[in-house]
Amino acid sequence: MNPVHVLFLLVTATLAQDPFCPGPPSAGCTNGMFSDSKCSCICLPPFCPDSSGDCTQPVGSCGEDQIQPGGCTRGVNCPWWKNALKAESCTTGTTVPAGMWNIYASLSDCCAVNFPFSEVCNVAKGTESPTKHPTIAAVEETPFETVPLLFKVEGLPDDVNMRALKDEMKLVLTAILSMISDSVPDMKLSSIDERDARRRLGESLATTVETTNNNAGSGRELLRSVEMYYDVNLIRVEGTHFGPIIIQSLKEAMSDVQNRIETTKTQYLDGDINVNFCTLASGKYTLCTSTPEPVVRPPQATTMSAEEPEG
């Protein structure tokens, strides 16, 4: 190998692992984040580095010194920022939301700055896969309480798009739970997950659709109601069970719930619809904001045999 090439590689490797990098400015990167590989701040547009290296100059464009939308790989080098929709959490992505100026180079940095005493910010949900030779031990309690929640909507049109409806129901549910969390002490919403359709709880599945015949003899069906099942993950509070508290809070604020639904931009959850929220009680979704109507089944026809004459 050419000695010049060898020298070039050695210098490149030394620069890539520069032990003399002074680190970020003393107050951090104001409108950007610090890049260890560049040993400098990279800025959110339209800011560029000033003479001290901080992102304070709104000069427009400065090439590689700026973060470009879609110019990173999620989970590798994308910025992190405080998640406004989940309590004590940070999120990442290829595009920083408009108006978000406080970003960080890693999840741990974001959590350390915004939630320095949090026990859940940098904790991944879920458990590890079982080992081939497990040991018997007490199950460790997670920092989250999962509340199973049924969201039922009645009075939908017959041309509803189910995928769009699912997105709207989750959007509305998030808005409603965020609203009531402001009035419930210590209630901090972490995430809302749609239940896997393969997970059964009694006879309940993730989605239940009830239909009736809209025009007898035509074979056309009118979509009457949809039931969606969710896992609502909340930060655990010792001695508190949030399921009944959520239902009671929804009951007391149902007019506000209806207003929140109407003010949320949706296509299907508008107009003359009825909603109901339920959680588990004794293994069934019977603890609800309104009493579920009993299922009335038609009496089964019985066949009577004629009595044989005596004698």
C-alpha atoms as a PDB file:
ATOM      1  CA  MET A   1       0.000   0.000   0.000  1.00  0.00           C
ATOM      2  CA  ASN A   2       1.179   3.508  -0.803  1.00  0.00           C
ATOM      3  CA  PRO A   3       2.715   5.102   2.336  1.00  0.00           C
ATOM      4  CA  VAL A   4       0.732   8.282   1.638  1.00  0.00           C
ATOM      5  CA  HIS A   5      -2.509   6.261   1.786  1.00  0.00           C
ATOM      6  CA  VAL A   6      -1.428   4.666   5.054  1.00  0.00           C
ATOM      7  CA  LEU A   7      -0.730   8.094   6.566  1.00  0.00           C
ATOM      8  CA  PHE A   8      -4.119   9.363   5.338  1.00  0.00           C
ATOM      9  CA  LEU A   9      -5.953   6.453   6.981  1.00  0.00           C
ATOM     10  CA  LEU A  10      -4.127   6.959  10.273  1.00  0.00           C
ATOM     11  CA  VAL A  11      -4.951  10.669  10.339  1.00  0.00           C
ATOM     12  CA  THR A  12      -8.607   9.966   9.441  1.00  0.00           C
ATOM     13  CA  ALA A  13      -8.962   7.375  12.227  1.00  0.00           C
ATOM     14  CA  THR A  14      -7.356   9.758  14.710  1.00  0.00           C
ATOM     15  CA  LEU A  15      -9.730  12.571  13.752  1.00  0.00           C
ATOM     16  CA  ALA A  16     -12.779  10.259  13.951  1.00  0.00           C
ATOM     17  CA  GLN A  17     -11.863   9.432  17.551  1.00  0.00           C
ATOM     18  CA  ASP A  18     -10.540  12.863  18.498  1.00  0.00           C
ATOM     19  CA  PRO A  19      -9.934  12.791  22.269  1.00  0.00           C
ATOM     20  CA  PHE A  20      -9.420  16.575  22.259  1.00  0.00           C
ATOM     21  CA  CYS A  21     -12.975  17.516  21.219  1.00  0.00           C
ATOM     22  CA  PRO A  22     -13.971  20.244  23.711  1.00  0.00           C
ATOM     23  CA  GLY A  23     -17.652  19.212  23.624  1.00  0.00           C
ATOM     24  CA  PRO A  24     -20.729  21.414  23.185  1.00  0.00           C
ATOM     25  CA  PRO A  25     -20.963  25.072  24.287  1.00  0.00           C
ATOM     26  CA  SER A  26     -21.362  25.507  28.043  1.00  0.00           C
ATOM     27  CA  ALA A  27     -25.124  26.149  27.684  1.00  0.00           C
ATOM     28  CA  GLY A  28     -25.601  23.463  25.056  1.00  0.00           C
ATOM     29  CA  CYS A  29     -26.636  23.963  21.434  1.00  0.00           C
ATOM     30  CA  THR A  30     -29.423  26.555  21.590  1.00  0.00           C
ATOM     31  CA  ASN A  31     -31.366  25.696  18.431  1.00  0.00           C
ATOM     32  CA  GLY A  32     -29.790  22.381  17.558  1.00  0.00           C
ATOM     33  CA  MET A  33     -27.895  19.426  18.955  1.00  0.00           C
ATOM     34  CA  PHE A  34     -24.261  18.465  19.434  1.00  0.00           C
ATOM     35  CA  SER A  35     -22.732  15.975  17.008  1.00  0.00           C
ATOM     36  CA  ASP A  36     -19.898  13.886  18.482  1.00  0.00           C
ATOM     37  CA  SER A  37     -18.700  12.859  15.021  1.00  0.00           C
ATOM     38  CA  LYS A  38     -18.447  16.510  13.862  1.00  0.00           C
ATOM     39  CA  CYS A  39     -17.497  17.851  17.311  1.00  0.00           C
ATOM     40  CA  SER A  40     -19.830  20.783  16.716  1.00  0.00           C
ATOM     41  CA  CYS A  41     -23.446  21.897  16.905  1.00  0.00           C
ATOM     42  CA  ILE A  42     -25.701  21.075  13.989  1.00  0.00           C
ATOM     43  CA  CYS A  43     -28.570  23.525  13.807  1.00  0.00           C
ATOM     44  CA  LEU A  44     -32.249  23.610  13.009  1.00  0.00           C
ATOM     45  CA  PRO A  45     -33.016  25.792   9.962  1.00  0.00           C
ATOM     46  CA  PRO A  46     -32.787  28.735   9.608  1.00  0.00           C
ATOM     47  CA  PHE A  47     -30.098  28.895  12.327  1.00  0.00           C
ATOM     48  CA  CYS A  48     -26.375  28.431  11.751  1.00  0.00           C
ATOM     49  CA  PRO A  49     -23.389  28.307  14.137  1.00  0.00           C
ATOM     50  CA  ASP A  50     -21.999  31.607  15.400  1.00  0.00           C
ATOM     51  CA  SER A  51     -18.364  32.328  16.252  1.00  0.00           C
ATOM     52  CA  SER A  52     -18.665  30.313  19.473  1.00  0.00           C
ATOM     53  CA  GLY A  53     -20.225  27.336  17.674  1.00  0.00           C
ATOM     54  CA  ASP A  54     -23.724  27.855  19.079  1.00  0.00           C
ATOM     55  CA  CYS A  55     -26.789  27.887  16.783  1.00  0.00           C
ATOM     56  CA  THR A  56     -27.825  31.523  17.173  1.00  0.00           C
ATOM     57  CA  GLN A  57     -27.400  33.027  13.702  1.00  0.00           C
ATOM     58  CA  PRO A  58     -30.648  32.948  11.628  1.00  0.00           C
ATOM     59  CA  VAL A  59     -28.818  33.311   8.332  1.00  0.00           C
ATOM     60  CA  GLY A  60     -30.791  30.786   6.269  1.00  0.00           C
ATOM     61  CA  SER A  61     -28.620  27.952   4.979  1.00  0.00           C
ATOM     62  CA  CYS A  62     -25.292  26.534   6.077  1.00  0.00           C
ATOM     63  CA  GLY A  63     -25.106  23.099   4.457  1.00  0.00           C
ATOM     64  CA  GLU A  64     -23.832  20.275   6.639  1.00  0.00           C
ATOM     65  CA  ASP A  65     -24.093  22.442   9.740  1.00  0.00           C
ATOM     66  CA  GLN A  66     -27.901  22.235   9.515  1.00  0.00           C
ATOM     67  CA  ILE A  67     -30.382  19.425  10.174  1.00  0.00           C
ATOM     68  CA  GLN A  68     -32.308  18.694   6.996  1.00  0.00           C
ATOM     69  CA  PRO A  69     -35.802  17.065   7.015  1.00  0.00           C
ATOM     70  CA  GLY A  70     -35.426  13.377   6.188  1.00  0.00           C
ATOM     71  CA  GLY A  71     -31.659  13.636   6.307  1.00  0.00           C
ATOM     72  CA  CYS A  72     -31.111  11.086   9.081  1.00  0.00           C
ATOM     73  CA  THR A  73     -31.745   7.429   9.882  1.00  0.00           C
ATOM     74  CA  ARG A  74     -34.328   6.826  12.607  1.00  0.00           C
ATOM     75  CA  GLY A  75     -32.788   5.092  15.602  1.00  0.00           C
ATOM     76  CA  VAL A  76     -29.253   5.921  14.429  1.00  0.00           C
ATOM     77  CA  ASN A  77     -28.598   9.658  14.137  1.00  0.00           C
ATOM     78  CA  CYS A  78     -31.990  11.408  14.211  1.00  0.00           C
ATOM     79  CA  PRO A  79     -32.682  14.069  16.845  1.00  0.00           C
ATOM     80  CA  TRP A  80     -34.837  13.467  19.938  1.00  0.00           C
ATOM     81  CA  TRP A  81     -37.284  15.871  21.551  1.00  0.00           C
ATOM     82  CA  LYS A  82     -39.802  15.998  24.413  1.00  0.00           C
ATOM     83  CA  ASN A  83     -43.012  14.141  23.574  1.00  0.00           C
ATOM     84  CA  ALA A  84     -45.985  16.419  24.244  1.00  0.00           C
ATOM     85  CA  LEU A  85     -48.512  13.555  24.005  1.00  0.00           C
ATOM     86  CA  LYS A  86     -46.994  11.163  26.567  1.00  0.00           C
ATOM     87  CA  ALA A  87     -46.024  11.818  30.143  1.00  0.00           C
ATOM     88  CA  GLU A  88     -42.304  11.746  30.959  1.00  0.00           C
ATOM     89  CA  SER A  89     -41.170  10.576  27.524  1.00  0.00           C
ATOM     90  CA  CYS A  90     -39.123  11.634  24.511  1.00  0.00           C
ATOM     91  CA  THR A  91     -39.568  10.712  20.866  1.00  0.00           C
ATOM     92  CA  THR A  92     -37.522  10.792  17.670  1.00  0.00           C
ATOM     93  CA  GLY A  93     -38.061  11.002  13.929  1.00  0.00           C
ATOM     94  CA  THR A  94     -36.656  12.120  10.602  1.00  0.00           C
ATOM     95  CA  THR A  95     -38.493  15.464  10.734  1.00  0.00           C
ATOM     96  CA  VAL A  96     -38.546  17.751  13.762  1.00  0.00           C
ATOM     97  CA  PRO A  97     -42.054  19.206  14.391  1.00  0.00           C
ATOM     98  CA  ALA A  98     -42.580  22.866  13.582  1.00  0.00           C
ATOM     99  CA  GLY A  99     -41.962  25.106  16.588  1.00  0.00           C
ATOM    100  CA  MET A 100     -39.765  22.515  18.338  1.00  0.00           C
ATOM    101  CA  TRP A 101     -36.357  24.070  19.073  1.00  0.00           C
ATOM    102  CA  ASN A 102     -35.067  21.978  21.985  1.00  0.00           C
ATOM    103  CA  ILE A 103     -33.628  18.796  20.469  1.00  0.00           C
ATOM    104  CA  TYR A 104     -31.084  16.252  21.678  1.00  0.00           C
ATOM    105  CA  ALA A 105     -28.648  13.780  20.155  1.00  0.00           C
ATOM    106  CA  SER A 106     -29.943  10.771  22.118  1.00  0.00           C
ATOM    107  CA  LEU A 107     -32.843   9.470  24.200  1.00  0.00           C
ATOM    108  CA  SER A 108     -30.728   9.492  27.347  1.00  0.00           C
ATOM    109  CA  ASP A 109     -29.778  13.164  26.810  1.00  0.00           C
ATOM    110  CA  CYS A 110     -33.424  14.157  26.267  1.00  0.00           C
ATOM    111  CA  CYS A 111     -34.566  12.290  29.391  1.00  0.00           C
ATOM    112  CA  ALA A 112     -31.710  13.610  31.524  1.00  0.00           C
ATOM    113  CA  VAL A 113     -32.485  17.241  30.670  1.00  0.00           C
ATOM    114  CA  ASN A 114     -36.297  17.141  30.760  1.00  0.00           C
ATOM    115  CA  PHE A 115     -37.026  14.377  33.297  1.00  0.00           C
ATOM    116  CA  PRO A 116     -33.893  13.987  35.443  1.00  0.00           C
ATOM    117  CA  PHE A 117     -35.705  12.081  38.206  1.00  0.00           C
ATOM    118  CA  SER A 118     -37.990   9.970  36.000  1.00  0.00           C
ATOM    119  CA  GLU A 119     -38.043   6.212  36.442  1.00  0.00           C
ATOM    120  CA  VAL A 120     -39.885   5.607  33.159  1.00  0.00           C
ATOM    121  CA  CYS A 121     -38.499   7.999  30.528  1.00  0.00           C
ATOM    122  CA  ASN A 122     -35.620   5.775  29.450  1.00  0.00           C
ATOM    123  CA  VAL A 123     -37.351   2.468  30.231  1.00  0.00           C
ATOM    124  CA  ALA A 124     -38.505   0.246  27.373  1.00  0.00           C
ATOM    125  CA  LYS A 125     -41.929  -1.354  27.834  1.00  0.00           C
ATOM    126  CA  GLY A 126     -42.301  -5.101  27.552  1.00  0.00           C
ATOM    127  CA  THR A 127     -40.236  -7.980  28.827  1.00  0.00           C
ATOM    128  CA  GLU A 128     -37.445 -10.100  27.455  1.00  0.00           C
ATOM    129  CA  SER A 129     -38.191 -13.385  25.717  1.00  0.00           C
ATOM    130  CA  PRO A 130     -38.238 -16.428  28.032  1.00  0.00           C
ATOM    131  CA  THR A 131     -35.022 -18.373  28.305  1.00  0.00           C
ATOM    132  CA  LYS A 132     -34.687 -22.068  27.529  1.00  0.00           C
ATOM    133  CA  HIS A 133     -34.047 -22.813  31.203  1.00  0.00           C
ATOM    134  CA  PRO A 134     -35.989 -20.183  33.177  1.00  0.00           C
ATOM    135  CA  THR A 135     -35.492 -19.693  36.878  1.00  0.00           C
ATOM    136  CA  ILE A 136     -38.418 -19.307  39.231  1.00  0.00           C
ATOM    137  CA  ALA A 137     -38.569 -15.779  40.540  1.00  0.00           C
ATOM    138  CA  ALA A 138     -41.136 -13.178  41.521  1.00  0.00           C
ATOM    139  CA  VAL A 139     -42.486 -11.182  38.588  1.00  0.00           C
ATOM    140  CA  GLU A 140     -40.983  -7.701  38.631  1.00  0.00           C
ATOM    141  CA  GLU A 141     -43.588  -4.956  38.585  1.00  0.00           C
ATOM    142  CA  THR A 142     -43.372  -2.655  35.565  1.00  0.00           C
ATOM    143  CA  PRO A 143     -43.523   1.125  35.976  1.00  0.00           C
ATOM    144  CA  PHE A 144     -46.762   1.172  33.958  1.00  0.00           C
ATOM    145  CA  GLU A 145     -50.373   0.313  34.750  1.00  0.00           C
ATOM    146  CA  THR A 146     -52.286  -0.987  31.728  1.00  0.00           C
ATOM    147  CA  VAL A 147     -56.013  -0.199  31.704  1.00  0.00           C
ATOM    148  CA  PRO A 148     -58.061  -2.190  29.139  1.00  0.00           C
ATOM    149  CA  LEU A 149     -60.616   0.144  27.573  1.00  0.00           C
ATOM    150  CA  LEU A 150     -63.531  -0.443  25.202  1.00  0.00           C
ATOM    151  CA  PHE A 151     -64.532   2.481  22.938  1.00  0.00           C
ATOM    152  CA  LYS A 152     -67.928   1.967  21.254  1.00  0.00           C
ATOM    153  CA  VAL A 153     -69.418   4.239  18.579  1.00  0.00           C
ATOM    154  CA  GLU A 154     -73.009   3.915  17.355  1.00  0.00           C
ATOM    155  CA  GLY A 155     -74.844   5.576  14.464  1.00  0.00           C
ATOM    156  CA  LEU A 156     -72.174   5.397  11.763  1.00  0.00           C
ATOM    157  CA  PRO A 157     -72.869   5.649   8.008  1.00  0.00           C
ATOM    158  CA  ASP A 158     -72.811   2.597   5.780  1.00  0.00           C
ATOM    159  CA  ASP A 159     -69.882   3.828   3.651  1.00  0.00           C
ATOM    160  CA  VAL A 160     -67.424   4.233   6.533  1.00  0.00           C
ATOM    161  CA  ASN A 161     -63.735   3.544   5.832  1.00  0.00           C
ATOM    162  CA  MET A 162     -62.605   1.301   8.687  1.00  0.00           C
ATOM    163  CA  ARG A 163     -58.931   2.284   8.559  1.00  0.00           C
ATOM    164  CA  ALA A 164     -59.789   5.978   8.669  1.00  0.00           C
ATOM    165  CA  LEU A 165     -62.333   5.351  11.440  1.00  0.00           C
ATOM    166  CA  LYS A 166     -59.754   3.501  13.546  1.00  0.00           C
ATOM    167  CA  ASP A 167     -57.326   6.412  13.198  1.00  0.00           C
ATOM    168  CA  GLU A 168     -60.045   8.880  14.199  1.00  0.00           C
ATOM    169  CA  MET A 169     -61.123   6.827  17.226  1.00  0.00           C
ATOM    170  CA  LYS A 170     -57.564   6.639  18.544  1.00  0.00           C
ATOM    171  CA  LEU A 171     -57.060  10.377  17.917  1.00  0.00           C
ATOM    172  CA  VAL A 172     -60.262  11.221  19.793  1.00  0.00           C
ATOM    173  CA  LEU A 173     -59.480   8.796  22.639  1.00  0.00           C
ATOM    174  CA  THR A 174     -56.025  10.352  23.077  1.00  0.00           C
ATOM    175  CA  ALA A 175     -57.528  13.856  23.179  1.00  0.00           C
ATOM    176  CA  ILE A 176     -60.204  12.816  25.699  1.00  0.00           C
ATOM    177  CA  LEU A 177     -57.819  11.008  28.061  1.00  0.00           C
ATOM    178  CA  SER A 178     -55.344  13.897  27.879  1.00  0.00           C
ATOM    179  CA  MET A 179     -58.200  16.227  28.817  1.00  0.00           C
ATOM    180  CA  ILE A 180     -59.336  14.270  31.886  1.00  0.00           C
ATOM    181  CA  SER A 181     -55.745  13.622  33.035  1.00  0.00           C
ATOM    182  CA  ASP A 182     -55.560  17.341  33.831  1.00  0.00           C
ATOM    183  CA  SER A 183     -58.260  16.890  36.488  1.00  0.00           C
ATOM    184  CA  VAL A 184     -57.239  13.477  37.878  1.00  0.00           C
ATOM    185  CA  PRO A 185     -54.386  13.706  40.427  1.00  0.00           C
ATOM    186  CA  ASP A 186     -51.223  11.777  39.455  1.00  0.00           C
ATOM    187  CA  MET A 187     -52.740  10.452  36.205  1.00  0.00           C
ATOM    188  CA  LYS A 188     -50.018  10.549  33.540  1.00  0.00           C
ATOM    189  CA  LEU A 189     -50.742   9.038  30.144  1.00  0.00           C
ATOM    190  CA  SER A 190     -47.854   7.131  28.552  1.00  0.00           C
ATOM    191  CA  SER A 191     -49.359   5.520  25.433  1.00  0.00           C
ATOM    192  CA  ILE A 192     -52.502   4.029  23.910  1.00  0.00           C
ATOM    193  CA  ASP A 193     -52.147   0.750  22.030  1.00  0.00           C
ATOM    194  CA  GLU A 194     -54.795  -0.954  19.930  1.00  0.00           C
ATOM    195  CA  ARG A 195     -55.296  -4.495  21.156  1.00  0.00           C
ATOM    196  CA  ASP A 196     -53.974  -7.239  18.902  1.00  0.00           C
ATOM    197  CA  ALA A 197     -56.928  -8.961  17.233  1.00  0.00           C
ATOM    198  CA  ARG A 198     -55.377 -12.304  18.143  1.00  0.00           C
ATOM    199  CA  ARG A 199     -55.495 -11.539  21.880  1.00  0.00           C
ATOM    200  CA  ARG A 200     -58.764 -12.766  23.333  1.00  0.00           C
ATOM    201  CA  LEU A 201     -60.281 -11.661  26.588  1.00  0.00           C
ATOM    202  CA  GLY A 202     -63.392 -13.705  27.140  1.00  0.00           C
ATOM    203  CA  GLU A 203     -65.215 -13.367  23.821  1.00  0.00           C
ATOM    204  CA  SER A 204     -63.841  -9.898  23.025  1.00  0.00           C
ATOM    205  CA  LEU A 205     -61.630  -9.168  20.031  1.00  0.00           C
ATOM    206  CA  ALA A 206     -59.857  -5.962  19.019  1.00  0.00           C
ATOM    207  CA  THR A 207     -62.636  -4.862  16.663  1.00  0.00           C
ATOM    208  CA  THR A 208     -66.307  -5.737  16.737  1.00  0.00           C
ATOM    209  CA  VAL A 209     -68.667  -4.502  14.026  1.00  0.00           C
ATOM    210  CA  GLU A 210     -72.447  -4.820  14.302  1.00  0.00           C
ATOM    211  CA  THR A 211     -74.557  -4.511  11.165  1.00  0.00           C
ATOM    212  CA  THR A 212     -78.208  -4.634  10.289  1.00  0.00           C
ATOM    213  CA  ASN A 213     -80.001  -4.951   6.963  1.00  0.00           C
ATOM    214  CA  ASN A 214     -80.670  -1.460   5.605  1.00  0.00           C
ATOM    215  CA  ASN A 215     -83.050  -2.584   2.874  1.00  0.00           C
ATOM    216  CA  ALA A 216     -84.801  -5.901   3.344  1.00  0.00           C
ATOM    217  CA  GLY A 217     -84.178  -8.174   0.398  1.00  0.00           C
ATOM    218  CA  SER A 218     -81.447  -5.986  -1.146  1.00  0.00           C
ATOM    219  CA  GLY A 219     -78.576  -7.611   0.725  1.00  0.00           C
ATOM    220  CA  ARG A 220     -77.134  -4.161   1.598  1.00  0.00           C
ATOM    221  CA  GLU A 221     -75.902  -3.708   5.173  1.00  0.00           C
ATOM    222  CA  LEU A 222     -75.866  -0.553   7.280  1.00  0.00           C
ATOM    223  CA  LEU A 223     -72.932  -0.243   9.696  1.00  0.00           C
ATOM    224  CA  ARG A 224     -74.532   0.487  13.072  1.00  0.00           C
ATOM    225  CA  SER A 225     -71.712   0.378  15.610  1.00  0.00           C
ATOM    226  CA  VAL A 226     -68.026  -0.310  16.016  1.00  0.00           C
ATOM    227  CA  GLU A 227     -66.225  -1.451  19.160  1.00  0.00           C
ATOM    228  CA  MET A 228     -62.473  -0.903  19.518  1.00  0.00           C
ATOM    229  CA  TYR A 229     -60.376  -2.334  22.346  1.00  0.00           C
ATOM    230  CA  TYR A 230     -57.298  -0.518  23.646  1.00  0.00           C
ATOM    231  CA  ASP A 231     -54.566  -0.858  26.250  1.00  0.00           C
ATOM    232  CA  VAL A 232     -54.172   2.507  27.967  1.00  0.00           C
ATOM    233  CA  ASN A 233     -50.707   2.646  29.563  1.00  0.00           C
ATOM    234  CA  LEU A 234     -50.349   4.986  32.536  1.00  0.00           C
ATOM    235  CA  ILE A 235     -47.491   5.664  34.901  1.00  0.00           C
ATOM    236  CA  ARG A 236     -48.142   3.431  37.896  1.00  0.00           C
ATOM    237  CA  VAL A 237     -49.108   5.012  41.207  1.00  0.00           C
ATOM    238  CA  GLU A 238     -48.876   2.775  44.253  1.00  0.00           C
ATOM    239  CA  GLY A 239     -52.312   1.949  45.681  1.00  0.00           C
ATOM    240  CA  THR A 240     -54.234   3.523  42.772  1.00  0.00           C
ATOM    241  CA  HIS A 241     -56.185   1.702  40.060  1.00  0.00           C
ATOM    242  CA  PHE A 242     -57.023   4.086  37.254  1.00  0.00           C
ATOM    243  CA  GLY A 243     -59.630   2.004  35.386  1.00  0.00           C
ATOM    244  CA  PRO A 244     -62.668   2.920  37.558  1.00  0.00           C
ATOM    245  CA  ILE A 245     -61.305   6.462  38.003  1.00  0.00           C
ATOM    246  CA  ILE A 246     -61.194   6.993  34.223  1.00  0.00           C
ATOM    247  CA  ILE A 247     -64.775   5.774  33.740  1.00  0.00           C
ATOM    248  CA  GLN A 248     -66.106   7.926  36.605  1.00  0.00           C
ATOM    249  CA  SER A 249     -64.231  10.980  35.303  1.00  0.00           C
ATOM    250  CA  LEU A 250     -65.652  10.418  31.813  1.00  0.00           C
ATOM    251  CA  LYS A 251     -69.155  10.127  33.275  1.00  0.00           C
ATOM    252  CA  GLU A 252     -68.822  13.403  35.145  1.00  0.00           C
ATOM    253  CA  ALA A 253     -67.378  15.215  32.131  1.00  0.00           C
ATOM    254  CA  MET A 254     -69.484  13.692  29.350  1.00  0.00           C
ATOM    255  CA  SER A 255     -70.579  17.097  28.034  1.00  0.00           C
ATOM    256  CA  ASP A 256     -66.920  18.118  27.787  1.00  0.00           C
ATOM    257  CA  VAL A 257     -66.165  14.764  26.127  1.00  0.00           C
ATOM    258  CA  GLN A 258     -68.825  15.438  23.492  1.00  0.00           C
ATOM    259  CA  ASN A 259     -67.430  18.927  22.922  1.00  0.00           C
ATOM    260  CA  ARG A 260     -63.909  17.536  22.548  1.00  0.00           C
ATOM    261  CA  ILE A 261     -65.157  15.008  19.986  1.00  0.00           C
ATOM    262  CA  GLU A 262     -66.943  17.739  18.031  1.00  0.00           C
ATOM    263  CA  THR A 263     -63.913  20.052  18.050  1.00  0.00           C
ATOM    264  CA  THR A 264     -61.506  17.316  16.953  1.00  0.00           C
ATOM    265  CA  LYS A 265     -61.234  17.327  13.167  1.00  0.00           C
ATOM    266  CA  THR A 266     -62.821  14.021  12.132  1.00  0.00           C
ATOM    267  CA  GLN A 267     -64.890  12.729   9.260  1.00  0.00           C
ATOM    268  CA  TYR A 268     -66.999  10.061  10.950  1.00  0.00           C
ATOM    269  CA  LEU A 269     -67.097  11.016  14.643  1.00  0.00           C
ATOM    270  CA  ASP A 270     -69.212  14.060  13.928  1.00  0.00           C
ATOM    271  CA  GLY A 271     -72.947  14.607  14.051  1.00  0.00           C
ATOM    272  CA  ASP A 272     -75.536  12.200  15.393  1.00  0.00           C
ATOM    273  CA  ILE A 273     -73.444   9.457  17.008  1.00  0.00           C
ATOM    274  CA  ASN A 274     -73.423   7.848  20.440  1.00  0.00           C
ATOM    275  CA  VAL A 275     -70.268   6.882  22.299  1.00  0.00           C
ATOM    276  CA  ASN A 276     -69.649   4.635  25.271  1.00  0.00           C
ATOM    277  CA  PHE A 277     -66.486   3.780  27.202  1.00  0.00           C
ATOM    278  CA  CYS A 278     -66.090   0.635  29.306  1.00  0.00           C
ATOM    279  CA  THR A 279     -63.382  -1.081  31.334  1.00  0.00           C
ATOM    280  CA  LEU A 280     -63.166  -4.464  33.003  1.00  0.00           C
ATOM    281  CA  ALA A 281     -65.148  -5.417  36.083  1.00  0.00           C
ATOM    282  CA  SER A 282     -65.090  -9.068  37.163  1.00  0.00           C
ATOM    283  CA  GLY A 283     -63.482 -10.031  33.858  1.00  0.00           C
ATOM    284  CA  LYS A 284     -66.052  -8.347  31.575  1.00  0.00           C
ATOM    285  CA  TYR A 285     -66.444  -4.891  30.029  1.00  0.00           C
ATOM    286  CA  THR A 286     -69.385  -3.920  32.220  1.00  0.00           C
ATOM    287  CA  LEU A 287     -68.068  -0.813  34.011  1.00  0.00           C
ATOM    288  CA  CYS A 288     -69.196   1.828  31.498  1.00  0.00           C
ATOM    289  CA  THR A 289     -70.019   5.503  31.152  1.00  0.00           C
ATOM    290  CA  SER A 290     -73.556   4.490  30.114  1.00  0.00           C
ATOM    291  CA  THR A 291     -75.354   1.244  30.855  1.00  0.00           C
ATOM    292  CA  PRO A 292     -74.998  -1.181  27.938  1.00  0.00           C
ATOM    293  CA  GLU A 293     -78.341  -2.225  26.506  1.00  0.00           C
ATOM    294  CA  PRO A 294     -79.105  -5.894  27.199  1.00  0.00           C
ATOM    295  CA  VAL A 295     -79.058  -8.200  24.215  1.00  0.00           C
ATOM    296  CA  VAL A 296     -82.603  -9.340  23.526  1.00  0.00           C
ATOM    297  CA  ARG A 297     -82.709 -12.716  21.848  1.00  0.00           C
ATOM    298  CA  PRO A 298     -85.897 -13.981  20.161  1.00  0.00           C
ATOM    299  CA  PRO A 299     -87.475 -16.964  21.925  1.00  0.00           C
ATOM    300  CA  GLN A 300     -86.638 -20.281  20.353  1.00  0.00           C
ATOM    301  CA  ALA A 301     -89.519 -22.020  18.642  1.00  0.00           C
ATOM    302  CA  THR A 302     -90.522 -25.302  20.254  1.00  0.00           C
ATOM    303  CA  THR A 303     -92.245 -28.198  18.564  1.00  0.00           C
ATOM    304  CA  MET A 304     -95.156 -29.723  20.483  1.00  0.00           C
ATOM    305  CA  SER A 305     -96.221 -33.258  19.754  1.00  0.00           C
ATOM    306  CA  ALA A 306     -99.890 -34.122  19.854  1.00  0.00           C
ATOM    307  CA  GLU A 307    -100.960 -36.123  22.867  1.00  0.00           C
ATOM    308  CA  GLU A 308    -101.973 -39.672  22.161  1.00  0.00           C
ATOM    309  CA  PRO A 309    -105.490 -40.534  23.291  1.00  0.00           C
ATOM    310  CA  GLU A 310    -105.722 -42.737  26.338  1.00  0.00           C
ATOM    311  CA  GLY A 311    -107.005 -46.196  26.165  1.00  0.00           C
END
